[in-house]
Amino acid sequence: MTSMEHVADVHLKKLSDMPGQLGVLVVSESGAIIASRGDFVNDSVTGTTILKLFRTAYEITLPDSPCRAKRLSLYFNDHVIVVTASNKRIYIVKLMLPQKVEVETDNDVTI
């Protein structure tokens, strides 16, 4: 086991032990699944879709700011998906929300 694989295993263990965690997906920058647990076991479709969203968020630039997005949070009624990048890996974690959150949508917008 290389030191990089060991670091990924340590991060995965910590993520898997989080209270309210429903699923974990670790993907490479190219989109290959490195590890998966819970609701995300071998879910390459979700991984690819979220990776595209994350890349899009990273490309957003604000006027007069050199900063780029480092994390992405997707809120649903009963859970949130948090995405962050570290060590050339993208960590996707699905967490249960403590109570249902009403998500407002504009009726004229098709999602």
PDB file of N, CA and C in Angstrom:
ATOM      1  N   MET A   1       0.843  -1.167   0.000  1.00  0.00           N
ATOM      2  CA  MET A   1       0.000   0.000   0.000  1.00  0.00           C
ATOM      3  C   MET A   1       0.893   1.236   0.000  1.00  0.00           C
ATOM      4  N   THR A   2       0.635   2.157  -0.960  1.00  0.00           N
ATOM      5  CA  THR A   2       1.416   3.384  -1.017  1.00  0.00           C
ATOM      6  C   THR A   2       0.928   4.351   0.059  1.00  0.00           C
ATOM      7  N   SER A   3       1.729   5.364   0.336  1.00  0.00           N
ATOM      8  CA  SER A   3       1.339   6.344   1.358  1.00  0.00           C
ATOM      9  C   SER A   3       0.085   7.105   0.926  1.00  0.00           C
ATOM     10  N   MET A   4      -0.070   7.340  -0.371  1.00  0.00           N
ATOM     11  CA  MET A   4      -1.249   8.033  -0.878  1.00  0.00           C
ATOM     12  C   MET A   4      -2.507   7.193  -0.651  1.00  0.00           C
ATOM     13  N   GLU A   5      -2.429   5.878  -0.884  1.00  0.00           N
ATOM     14  CA  GLU A   5      -3.562   4.990  -0.638  1.00  0.00           C
ATOM     15  C   GLU A   5      -3.897   4.961   0.850  1.00  0.00           C
ATOM     16  N   HIS A   6      -2.875   4.974   1.689  1.00  0.00           N
ATOM     17  CA  HIS A   6      -3.087   4.970   3.132  1.00  0.00           C
ATOM     18  C   HIS A   6      -3.829   6.235   3.575  1.00  0.00           C
ATOM     19  N   VAL A   7      -3.429   7.397   3.021  1.00  0.00           N
ATOM     20  CA  VAL A   7      -4.097   8.662   3.349  1.00  0.00           C
ATOM     21  C   VAL A   7      -5.559   8.588   2.937  1.00  0.00           C
ATOM     22  N   ALA A   8      -5.848   8.053   1.755  1.00  0.00           N
ATOM     23  CA  ALA A   8      -7.234   7.924   1.295  1.00  0.00           C
ATOM     24  C   ALA A   8      -8.022   7.016   2.226  1.00  0.00           C
ATOM     25  N   ASP A   9      -7.411   5.927   2.684  1.00  0.00           N
ATOM     26  CA  ASP A   9      -8.087   5.012   3.600  1.00  0.00           C
ATOM     27  C   ASP A   9      -8.407   5.688   4.932  1.00  0.00           C
ATOM     28  N   VAL A  10      -7.488   6.498   5.430  1.00  0.00           N
ATOM     29  CA  VAL A  10      -7.705   7.212   6.687  1.00  0.00           C
ATOM     30  C   VAL A  10      -8.856   8.192   6.530  1.00  0.00           C
ATOM     31  N   HIS A  11      -8.867   8.954   5.418  1.00  0.00           N
ATOM     32  CA  HIS A  11      -9.959   9.893   5.175  1.00  0.00           C
ATOM     33  C   HIS A  11     -11.293   9.162   5.045  1.00  0.00           C
ATOM     34  N   LEU A  12     -11.310   8.048   4.326  1.00  0.00           N
ATOM     35  CA  LEU A  12     -12.539   7.287   4.143  1.00  0.00           C
ATOM     36  C   LEU A  12     -13.055   6.769   5.480  1.00  0.00           C
ATOM     37  N   LYS A  13     -12.174   6.300   6.326  1.00  0.00           N
ATOM     38  CA  LYS A  13     -12.564   5.810   7.654  1.00  0.00           C
ATOM     39  C   LYS A  13     -13.209   6.936   8.453  1.00  0.00           C
ATOM     40  N   LYS A  14     -12.585   8.119   8.439  1.00  0.00           N
ATOM     41  CA  LYS A  14     -13.136   9.262   9.179  1.00  0.00           C
ATOM     42  C   LYS A  14     -14.493   9.669   8.618  1.00  0.00           C
ATOM     43  N   LEU A  15     -14.627   9.692   7.305  1.00  0.00           N
ATOM     44  CA  LEU A  15     -15.898  10.063   6.684  1.00  0.00           C
ATOM     45  C   LEU A  15     -16.987   9.037   6.995  1.00  0.00           C
ATOM     46  N   SER A  16     -16.614   7.770   7.009  1.00  0.00           N
ATOM     47  CA  SER A  16     -17.581   6.700   7.279  1.00  0.00           C
ATOM     48  C   SER A  16     -18.079   6.730   8.716  1.00  0.00           C
ATOM     49  N   ASP A  17     -17.287   7.297   9.615  1.00  0.00           N
ATOM     50  CA  ASP A  17     -17.663   7.362  11.029  1.00  0.00           C
ATOM     51  C   ASP A  17     -18.458   8.618  11.392  1.00  0.00           C
ATOM     52  N   MET A  18     -18.702   9.484  10.443  1.00  0.00           N
ATOM     53  CA  MET A  18     -19.424  10.727  10.724  1.00  0.00           C
ATOM     54  C   MET A  18     -20.865  10.422  11.136  1.00  0.00           C
ATOM     55  N   PRO A  19     -21.366  11.091  12.161  1.00  0.00           N
ATOM     56  CA  PRO A  19     -22.763  10.907  12.552  1.00  0.00           C
ATOM     57  C   PRO A  19     -23.697  11.373  11.426  1.00  0.00           C
ATOM     58  N   GLY A  20     -24.716  10.597  11.146  1.00  0.00           N
ATOM     59  CA  GLY A  20     -25.688  10.966  10.125  1.00  0.00           C
ATOM     60  C   GLY A  20     -25.239  10.709   8.703  1.00  0.00           C
ATOM     61  N   GLN A  21     -24.075  10.095   8.530  1.00  0.00           N
ATOM     62  CA  GLN A  21     -23.544   9.819   7.199  1.00  0.00           C
ATOM     63  C   GLN A  21     -24.351   8.695   6.562  1.00  0.00           C
ATOM     64  N   LEU A  22     -24.814   8.933   5.321  1.00  0.00           N
ATOM     65  CA  LEU A  22     -25.608   7.926   4.599  1.00  0.00           C
ATOM     66  C   LEU A  22     -24.844   7.290   3.453  1.00  0.00           C
ATOM     67  N   GLY A  23     -23.794   7.954   3.004  1.00  0.00           N
ATOM     68  CA  GLY A  23     -23.026   7.412   1.900  1.00  0.00           C
ATOM     69  C   GLY A  23     -21.765   8.215   1.662  1.00  0.00           C
ATOM     70  N   VAL A  24     -20.746   7.539   1.151  1.00  0.00           N
ATOM     71  CA  VAL A  24     -19.466   8.178   0.832  1.00  0.00           C
ATOM     72  C   VAL A  24     -19.013   7.669  -0.528  1.00  0.00           C
ATOM     73  N   LEU A  25     -18.532   8.607  -1.330  1.00  0.00           N
ATOM     74  CA  LEU A  25     -17.990   8.249  -2.631  1.00  0.00           C
ATOM     75  C   LEU A  25     -16.699   9.039  -2.802  1.00  0.00           C
ATOM     76  N   VAL A  26     -15.609   8.347  -3.088  1.00  0.00           N
ATOM     77  CA  VAL A  26     -14.326   8.994  -3.349  1.00  0.00           C
ATOM     78  C   VAL A  26     -13.979   8.682  -4.792  1.00  0.00           C
ATOM     79  N   VAL A  27     -13.774   9.754  -5.577  1.00  0.00           N
ATOM     80  CA  VAL A  27     -13.450   9.574  -6.990  1.00  0.00           C
ATOM     81  C   VAL A  27     -12.155  10.296  -7.323  1.00  0.00           C
ATOM     82  N   SER A  28     -11.488   9.811  -8.350  1.00  0.00           N
ATOM     83  CA  SER A  28     -10.270  10.468  -8.824  1.00  0.00           C
ATOM     84  C   SER A  28     -10.671  11.677  -9.657  1.00  0.00           C
ATOM     85  N   GLU A  29      -9.697  12.511 -10.002  1.00  0.00           N
ATOM     86  CA  GLU A  29      -9.973  13.678 -10.834  1.00  0.00           C
ATOM     87  C   GLU A  29     -10.553  13.280 -12.191  1.00  0.00           C
ATOM     88  N   SER A  30     -10.238  12.070 -12.645  1.00  0.00           N
ATOM     89  CA  SER A  30     -10.760  11.598 -13.931  1.00  0.00           C
ATOM     90  C   SER A  30     -12.157  10.994 -13.801  1.00  0.00           C
ATOM     91  N   GLY A  31     -12.637  10.828 -12.560  1.00  0.00           N
ATOM     92  CA  GLY A  31     -13.980  10.298 -12.346  1.00  0.00           C
ATOM     93  C   GLY A  31     -14.032   8.837 -11.960  1.00  0.00           C
ATOM     94  N   ALA A  32     -12.881   8.176 -11.868  1.00  0.00           N
ATOM     95  CA  ALA A  32     -12.864   6.757 -11.481  1.00  0.00           C
ATOM     96  C   ALA A  32     -13.180   6.618  -9.990  1.00  0.00           C
ATOM     97  N   ILE A  33     -14.027   5.642  -9.666  1.00  0.00           N
ATOM     98  CA  ILE A  33     -14.370   5.412  -8.264  1.00  0.00           C
ATOM     99  C   ILE A  33     -13.185   4.777  -7.554  1.00  0.00           C
ATOM    100  N   ILE A  34     -12.760   5.415  -6.461  1.00  0.00           N
ATOM    101  CA  ILE A  34     -11.675   4.888  -5.642  1.00  0.00           C
ATOM    102  C   ILE A  34     -12.259   4.094  -4.478  1.00  0.00           C
ATOM    103  N   ALA A  35     -13.340   4.628  -3.897  1.00  0.00           N
ATOM    104  CA  ALA A  35     -13.993   3.949  -2.775  1.00  0.00           C
ATOM    105  C   ALA A  35     -15.445   4.403  -2.711  1.00  0.00           C
ATOM    106  N   SER A  36     -16.307   3.525  -2.204  1.00  0.00           N
ATOM    107  CA  SER A  36     -17.718   3.883  -2.048  1.00  0.00           C
ATOM    108  C   SER A  36     -18.311   3.106  -0.889  1.00  0.00           C
ATOM    109  N   ARG A  37     -19.267   3.747  -0.223  1.00  0.00           N
ATOM    110  CA  ARG A  37     -19.945   3.125   0.916  1.00  0.00           C
ATOM    111  C   ARG A  37     -21.386   3.616   0.971  1.00  0.00           C
ATOM    112  N   GLY A  38     -22.224   2.874   1.675  1.00  0.00           N
ATOM    113  CA  GLY A  38     -23.594   3.303   1.939  1.00  0.00           C
ATOM    114  C   GLY A  38     -24.411   3.495   0.669  1.00  0.00           C
ATOM    115  N   ASP A  39     -25.152   4.587   0.613  1.00  0.00           N
ATOM    116  CA  ASP A  39     -26.037   4.864  -0.530  1.00  0.00           C
ATOM    117  C   ASP A  39     -25.284   5.041  -1.843  1.00  0.00           C
ATOM    118  N   PHE A  40     -23.981   5.257  -1.794  1.00  0.00           N
ATOM    119  CA  PHE A  40     -23.194   5.498  -3.000  1.00  0.00           C
ATOM    120  C   PHE A  40     -22.375   4.290  -3.455  1.00  0.00           C
ATOM    121  N   VAL A  41     -22.642   3.108  -2.954  1.00  0.00           N
ATOM    122  CA  VAL A  41     -21.853   1.935  -3.329  1.00  0.00           C
ATOM    123  C   VAL A  41     -21.884   1.761  -4.847  1.00  0.00           C
ATOM    124  N   ASN A  42     -20.704   1.844  -5.446  1.00  0.00           N
ATOM    125  CA  ASN A  42     -20.509   1.662  -6.892  1.00  0.00           C
ATOM    126  C   ASN A  42     -21.436   2.514  -7.751  1.00  0.00           C
ATOM    127  N   ASP A  43     -21.780   3.708  -7.278  1.00  0.00           N
ATOM    128  CA  ASP A  43     -22.711   4.579  -7.996  1.00  0.00           C
ATOM    129  C   ASP A  43     -21.941   5.541  -8.894  1.00  0.00           C
ATOM    130  N   SER A  44     -21.521   5.039 -10.037  1.00  0.00           N
ATOM    131  CA  SER A  44     -20.719   5.855 -10.948  1.00  0.00           C
ATOM    132  C   SER A  44     -21.546   6.964 -11.592  1.00  0.00           C
ATOM    133  N   VAL A  45     -22.841   6.758 -11.778  1.00  0.00           N
ATOM    134  CA  VAL A  45     -23.689   7.786 -12.391  1.00  0.00           C
ATOM    135  C   VAL A  45     -23.749   9.020 -11.488  1.00  0.00           C
ATOM    136  N   THR A  46     -24.009   8.808 -10.205  1.00  0.00           N
ATOM    137  CA  THR A  46     -24.046   9.927  -9.261  1.00  0.00           C
ATOM    138  C   THR A  46     -22.670  10.580  -9.179  1.00  0.00           C
ATOM    139  N   GLY A  47     -21.627   9.788  -9.113  1.00  0.00           N
ATOM    140  CA  GLY A  47     -20.269  10.324  -9.036  1.00  0.00           C
ATOM    141  C   GLY A  47     -19.936  11.197 -10.229  1.00  0.00           C
ATOM    142  N   THR A  48     -20.261  10.741 -11.420  1.00  0.00           N
ATOM    143  CA  THR A  48     -19.980  11.505 -12.636  1.00  0.00           C
ATOM    144  C   THR A  48     -20.780  12.799 -12.672  1.00  0.00           C
ATOM    145  N   THR A  49     -22.052  12.723 -12.304  1.00  0.00           N
ATOM    146  CA  THR A  49     -22.911  13.907 -12.316  1.00  0.00           C
ATOM    147  C   THR A  49     -22.425  14.951 -11.317  1.00  0.00           C
ATOM    148  N   ILE A  50     -22.117  14.523 -10.099  1.00  0.00           N
ATOM    149  CA  ILE A  50     -21.656  15.459  -9.079  1.00  0.00           C
ATOM    150  C   ILE A  50     -20.280  16.020  -9.438  1.00  0.00           C
ATOM    151  N   LEU A  51     -19.431  15.211 -10.029  1.00  0.00           N
ATOM    152  CA  LEU A  51     -18.112  15.694 -10.464  1.00  0.00           C
ATOM    153  C   LEU A  51     -18.270  16.803 -11.515  1.00  0.00           C
ATOM    154  N   LYS A  52     -19.215  16.649 -12.437  1.00  0.00           N
ATOM    155  CA  LYS A  52     -19.480  17.694 -13.433  1.00  0.00           C
ATOM    156  C   LYS A  52     -19.948  18.979 -12.760  1.00  0.00           C
ATOM    157  N   LEU A  53     -20.849  18.854 -11.786  1.00  0.00           N
ATOM    158  CA  LEU A  53     -21.323  20.029 -11.047  1.00  0.00           C
ATOM    159  C   LEU A  53     -20.165  20.717 -10.325  1.00  0.00           C
ATOM    160  N   PHE A  54     -19.318  19.922  -9.698  1.00  0.00           N
ATOM    161  CA  PHE A  54     -18.180  20.455  -8.949  1.00  0.00           C
ATOM    162  C   PHE A  54     -17.220  21.193  -9.879  1.00  0.00           C
ATOM    163  N   ARG A  55     -16.949  20.617 -11.024  1.00  0.00           N
ATOM    164  CA  ARG A  55     -16.056  21.270 -11.994  1.00  0.00           C
ATOM    165  C   ARG A  55     -16.664  22.588 -12.480  1.00  0.00           C
ATOM    166  N   THR A  56     -17.971  22.591 -12.721  1.00  0.00           N
ATOM    167  CA  THR A  56     -18.653  23.811 -13.149  1.00  0.00           C
ATOM    168  C   THR A  56     -18.547  24.884 -12.068  1.00  0.00           C
ATOM    169  N   ALA A  57     -18.780  24.511 -10.814  1.00  0.00           N
ATOM    170  CA  ALA A  57     -18.674  25.461  -9.706  1.00  0.00           C
ATOM    171  C   ALA A  57     -17.252  26.006  -9.606  1.00  0.00           C
ATOM    172  N   TYR A  58     -16.268  25.167  -9.835  1.00  0.00           N
ATOM    173  CA  TYR A  58     -14.869  25.590  -9.760  1.00  0.00           C
ATOM    174  C   TYR A  58     -14.552  26.638 -10.832  1.00  0.00           C
ATOM    175  N   GLU A  59     -15.202  26.525 -11.976  1.00  0.00           N
ATOM    176  CA  GLU A  59     -14.933  27.441 -13.091  1.00  0.00           C
ATOM    177  C   GLU A  59     -15.565  28.820 -12.898  1.00  0.00           C
ATOM    178  N   ILE A  60     -16.461  28.967 -11.948  1.00  0.00           N
ATOM    179  CA  ILE A  60     -17.101  30.257 -11.709  1.00  0.00           C
ATOM    180  C   ILE A  60     -16.081  31.223 -11.125  1.00  0.00           C
ATOM    181  N   THR A  61     -15.967  32.376 -11.747  1.00  0.00           N
ATOM    182  CA  THR A  61     -15.084  33.419 -11.227  1.00  0.00           C
ATOM    183  C   THR A  61     -15.916  34.650 -10.924  1.00  0.00           C
ATOM    184  N   LEU A  62     -15.607  35.278  -9.828  1.00  0.00           N
ATOM    185  CA  LEU A  62     -16.292  36.495  -9.437  1.00  0.00           C
ATOM    186  C   LEU A  62     -15.408  37.690  -9.774  1.00  0.00           C
ATOM    187  N   PRO A  63     -16.016  38.814 -10.124  1.00  0.00           N
ATOM    188  CA  PRO A  63     -15.206  39.999 -10.457  1.00  0.00           C
ATOM    189  C   PRO A  63     -14.272  40.370  -9.299  1.00  0.00           C
ATOM    190  N   ASP A  64     -13.065  40.709  -9.636  1.00  0.00           N
ATOM    191  CA  ASP A  64     -12.063  41.176  -8.662  1.00  0.00           C
ATOM    192  C   ASP A  64     -11.737  40.143  -7.585  1.00  0.00           C
ATOM    193  N   SER A  65     -11.897  38.865  -7.889  1.00  0.00           N
ATOM    194  CA  SER A  65     -11.578  37.832  -6.906  1.00  0.00           C
ATOM    195  C   SER A  65     -10.849  36.673  -7.586  1.00  0.00           C
ATOM    196  N   PRO A  66      -9.663  36.338  -7.091  1.00  0.00           N
ATOM    197  CA  PRO A  66      -8.929  35.210  -7.659  1.00  0.00           C
ATOM    198  C   PRO A  66      -9.397  33.866  -7.085  1.00  0.00           C
ATOM    199  N   CYS A  67     -10.321  33.894  -6.140  1.00  0.00           N
ATOM    200  CA  CYS A  67     -10.755  32.675  -5.449  1.00  0.00           C
ATOM    201  C   CYS A  67     -11.610  31.788  -6.342  1.00  0.00           C
ATOM    202  N   ARG A  68     -11.505  30.507  -6.096  1.00  0.00           N
ATOM    203  CA  ARG A  68     -12.317  29.494  -6.778  1.00  0.00           C
ATOM    204  C   ARG A  68     -13.072  28.699  -5.725  1.00  0.00           C
ATOM    205  N   ALA A  69     -14.160  28.087  -6.133  1.00  0.00           N
ATOM    206  CA  ALA A  69     -14.937  27.253  -5.209  1.00  0.00           C
ATOM    207  C   ALA A  69     -14.079  26.082  -4.738  1.00  0.00           C
ATOM    208  N   LYS A  70     -14.159  25.775  -3.455  1.00  0.00           N
ATOM    209  CA  LYS A  70     -13.420  24.651  -2.880  1.00  0.00           C
ATOM    210  C   LYS A  70     -14.355  23.541  -2.438  1.00  0.00           C
ATOM    211  N   ARG A  71     -15.606  23.909  -2.183  1.00  0.00           N
ATOM    212  CA  ARG A  71     -16.591  22.936  -1.722  1.00  0.00           C
ATOM    213  C   ARG A  71     -17.922  23.213  -2.392  1.00  0.00           C
ATOM    214  N   LEU A  72     -18.748  22.195  -2.446  1.00  0.00           N
ATOM    215  CA  LEU A  72     -20.076  22.310  -3.017  1.00  0.00           C
ATOM    216  C   LEU A  72     -21.035  21.571  -2.099  1.00  0.00           C
ATOM    217  N   SER A  73     -22.160  22.194  -1.786  1.00  0.00           N
ATOM    218  CA  SER A  73     -23.183  21.545  -0.966  1.00  0.00           C
ATOM    219  C   SER A  73     -24.489  21.546  -1.742  1.00  0.00           C
ATOM    220  N   LEU A  74     -25.116  20.379  -1.819  1.00  0.00           N
ATOM    221  CA  LEU A  74     -26.394  20.227  -2.500  1.00  0.00           C
ATOM    222  C   LEU A  74     -27.437  19.825  -1.465  1.00  0.00           C
ATOM    223  N   TYR A  75     -28.394  20.710  -1.204  1.00  0.00           N
ATOM    224  CA  TYR A  75     -29.396  20.456  -0.173  1.00  0.00           C
ATOM    225  C   TYR A  75     -30.667  19.878  -0.777  1.00  0.00           C
ATOM    226  N   PHE A  76     -31.159  18.822  -0.148  1.00  0.00           N
ATOM    227  CA  PHE A  76     -32.410  18.180  -0.505  1.00  0.00           C
ATOM    228  C   PHE A  76     -33.320  18.243   0.727  1.00  0.00           C
ATOM    229  N   ASN A  77     -34.541  17.751   0.628  1.00  0.00           N
ATOM    230  CA  ASN A  77     -35.462  17.843   1.761  1.00  0.00           C
ATOM    231  C   ASN A  77     -34.956  17.146   3.015  1.00  0.00           C
ATOM    232  N   ASP A  78     -34.349  15.980   2.862  1.00  0.00           N
ATOM    233  CA  ASP A  78     -33.964  15.213   4.054  1.00  0.00           C
ATOM    234  C   ASP A  78     -32.474  14.906   4.156  1.00  0.00           C
ATOM    235  N   HIS A  79     -31.676  15.386   3.195  1.00  0.00           N
ATOM    236  CA  HIS A  79     -30.237  15.143   3.249  1.00  0.00           C
ATOM    237  C   HIS A  79     -29.483  16.229   2.486  1.00  0.00           C
ATOM    238  N   VAL A  80     -28.186  16.258   2.696  1.00  0.00           N
ATOM    239  CA  VAL A  80     -27.304  17.170   1.985  1.00  0.00           C
ATOM    240  C   VAL A  80     -26.138  16.354   1.435  1.00  0.00           C
ATOM    241  N   ILE A  81     -25.686  16.716   0.256  1.00  0.00           N
ATOM    242  CA  ILE A  81     -24.497  16.095  -0.318  1.00  0.00           C
ATOM    243  C   ILE A  81     -23.404  17.157  -0.309  1.00  0.00           C
ATOM    244  N   VAL A  82     -22.298  16.851   0.349  1.00  0.00           N
ATOM    245  CA  VAL A  82     -21.174  17.778   0.468  1.00  0.00           C
ATOM    246  C   VAL A  82     -20.024  17.232  -0.369  1.00  0.00           C
ATOM    247  N   VAL A  83     -19.438  18.105  -1.173  1.00  0.00           N
ATOM    248  CA  VAL A  83     -18.358  17.711  -2.075  1.00  0.00           C
ATOM    249  C   VAL A  83     -17.141  18.592  -1.799  1.00  0.00           C
ATOM    250  N   THR A  84     -15.986  17.977  -1.681  1.00  0.00           N
ATOM    251  CA  THR A  84     -14.750  18.728  -1.513  1.00  0.00           C
ATOM    252  C   THR A  84     -13.603  17.974  -2.184  1.00  0.00           C
ATOM    253  N   ALA A  85     -12.563  18.693  -2.537  1.00  0.00           N
ATOM    254  CA  ALA A  85     -11.410  18.078  -3.196  1.00  0.00           C
ATOM    255  C   ALA A  85     -10.191  18.166  -2.291  1.00  0.00           C
ATOM    256  N   SER A  86      -9.398  17.096  -2.300  1.00  0.00           N
ATOM    257  CA  SER A  86      -8.166  17.058  -1.537  1.00  0.00           C
ATOM    258  C   SER A  86      -7.278  15.947  -2.095  1.00  0.00           C
ATOM    259  N   ASN A  87      -6.001  16.227  -2.224  1.00  0.00           N
ATOM    260  CA  ASN A  87      -5.028  15.219  -2.683  1.00  0.00           C
ATOM    261  C   ASN A  87      -5.431  14.534  -3.981  1.00  0.00           C
ATOM    262  N   LYS A  88      -5.889  15.328  -4.945  1.00  0.00           N
ATOM    263  CA  LYS A  88      -6.275  14.829  -6.266  1.00  0.00           C
ATOM    264  C   LYS A  88      -7.436  13.841  -6.219  1.00  0.00           C
ATOM    265  N   ARG A  89      -8.240  13.948  -5.163  1.00  0.00           N
ATOM    266  CA  ARG A  89      -9.430  13.117  -5.023  1.00  0.00           C
ATOM    267  C   ARG A  89     -10.609  14.023  -4.708  1.00  0.00           C
ATOM    268  N   ILE A  90     -11.784  13.589  -5.110  1.00  0.00           N
ATOM    269  CA  ILE A  90     -13.003  14.318  -4.799  1.00  0.00           C
ATOM    270  C   ILE A  90     -13.794  13.454  -3.822  1.00  0.00           C
ATOM    271  N   TYR A  91     -14.112  14.043  -2.681  1.00  0.00           N
ATOM    272  CA  TYR A  91     -14.846  13.342  -1.622  1.00  0.00           C
ATOM    273  C   TYR A  91     -16.290  13.810  -1.653  1.00  0.00           C
ATOM    274  N   ILE A  92     -17.198  12.868  -1.803  1.00  0.00           N
ATOM    275  CA  ILE A  92     -18.631  13.155  -1.872  1.00  0.00           C
ATOM    276  C   ILE A  92     -19.283  12.432  -0.698  1.00  0.00           C
ATOM    277  N   VAL A  93     -19.948  13.198   0.161  1.00  0.00           N
ATOM    278  CA  VAL A  93     -20.547  12.615   1.361  1.00  0.00           C
ATOM    279  C   VAL A  93     -22.023  12.992   1.421  1.00  0.00           C
ATOM    280  N   LYS A  94     -22.859  12.010   1.640  1.00  0.00           N
ATOM    281  CA  LYS A  94     -24.295  12.234   1.811  1.00  0.00           C
ATOM    282  C   LYS A  94     -24.602  12.178   3.300  1.00  0.00           C
ATOM    283  N   LEU A  95     -25.174  13.282   3.824  1.00  0.00           N
ATOM    284  CA  LEU A  95     -25.474  13.383   5.249  1.00  0.00           C
ATOM    285  C   LEU A  95     -26.964  13.589   5.469  1.00  0.00           C
ATOM    286  N   MET A  96     -27.494  12.918   6.466  1.00  0.00           N
ATOM    287  CA  MET A  96     -28.885  13.089   6.846  1.00  0.00           C
ATOM    288  C   MET A  96     -29.025  14.445   7.534  1.00  0.00           C
ATOM    289  N   LEU A  97     -30.069  15.190   7.175  1.00  0.00           N
ATOM    290  CA  LEU A  97     -30.348  16.446   7.869  1.00  0.00           C
ATOM    291  C   LEU A  97     -31.145  16.135   9.131  1.00  0.00           C
ATOM    292  N   PRO A  98     -30.948  16.913  10.191  1.00  0.00           N
ATOM    293  CA  PRO A  98     -31.630  16.631  11.448  1.00  0.00           C
ATOM    294  C   PRO A  98     -33.150  16.721  11.337  1.00  0.00           C
ATOM    295  N   GLN A  99     -33.656  17.551  10.435  1.00  0.00           N
ATOM    296  CA  GLN A  99     -35.095  17.638  10.198  1.00  0.00           C
ATOM    297  C   GLN A  99     -35.289  17.992   8.741  1.00  0.00           C
ATOM    298  N   LYS A 100     -36.497  17.792   8.248  1.00  0.00           N
ATOM    299  CA  LYS A 100     -36.738  18.111   6.847  1.00  0.00           C
ATOM    300  C   LYS A 100     -36.609  19.607   6.621  1.00  0.00           C
ATOM    301  N   VAL A 101     -35.957  19.961   5.517  1.00  0.00           N
ATOM    302  CA  VAL A 101     -35.773  21.347   5.129  1.00  0.00           C
ATOM    303  C   VAL A 101     -36.612  21.585   3.891  1.00  0.00           C
ATOM    304  N   GLU A 102     -37.436  22.606   3.936  1.00  0.00           N
ATOM    305  CA  GLU A 102     -38.238  22.935   2.765  1.00  0.00           C
ATOM    306  C   GLU A 102     -37.354  23.629   1.735  1.00  0.00           C
ATOM    307  N   VAL A 103     -37.312  23.078   0.536  1.00  0.00           N
ATOM    308  CA  VAL A 103     -36.531  23.655  -0.544  1.00  0.00           C
ATOM    309  C   VAL A 103     -37.488  24.399  -1.453  1.00  0.00           C
ATOM    310  N   GLU A 104     -37.299  25.719  -1.533  1.00  0.00           N
ATOM    311  CA  GLU A 104     -38.170  26.532  -2.360  1.00  0.00           C
ATOM    312  C   GLU A 104     -37.686  26.487  -3.796  1.00  0.00           C
ATOM    313  N   THR A 105     -38.629  26.349  -4.707  1.00  0.00           N
ATOM    314  CA  THR A 105     -38.294  26.395  -6.133  1.00  0.00           C
ATOM    315  C   THR A 105     -39.245  27.350  -6.809  1.00  0.00           C
ATOM    316  N   ASP A 106     -38.785  27.961  -7.858  1.00  0.00           N
ATOM    317  CA  ASP A 106     -39.603  28.845  -8.659  1.00  0.00           C
ATOM    318  C   ASP A 106     -40.407  27.960  -9.606  1.00  0.00           C
ATOM    319  N   ASN A 107     -41.712  28.090  -9.611  1.00  0.00           N
ATOM    320  CA  ASN A 107     -42.560  27.222 -10.425  1.00  0.00           C
ATOM    321  C   ASN A 107     -42.292  27.383 -11.917  1.00  0.00           C
ATOM    322  N   ASP A 108     -41.698  28.501 -12.322  1.00  0.00           N
ATOM    323  CA  ASP A 108     -41.402  28.728 -13.719  1.00  0.00           C
ATOM    324  C   ASP A 108     -40.091  28.088 -14.166  1.00  0.00           C
ATOM    325  N   VAL A 109     -39.328  27.571 -13.220  1.00  0.00           N
ATOM    326  CA  VAL A 109     -38.026  26.990 -13.528  1.00  0.00           C
ATOM    327  C   VAL A 109     -38.137  25.475 -13.556  1.00  0.00           C
ATOM    328  N   THR A 110     -37.669  24.888 -14.633  1.00  0.00           N
ATOM    329  CA  THR A 110     -37.637  23.435 -14.725  1.00  0.00           C
ATOM    330  C   THR A 110     -36.256  22.967 -14.340  1.00  0.00           C
ATOM    331  N   ILE A 111     -36.191  22.097 -13.363  1.00  0.00           N
ATOM    332  CA  ILE A 111     -34.901  21.601 -12.899  1.00  0.00           C
ATOM    333  C   ILE A 111     -34.669  20.213 -13.457  1.00  0.00           C
TER     334      ILE A 111
END
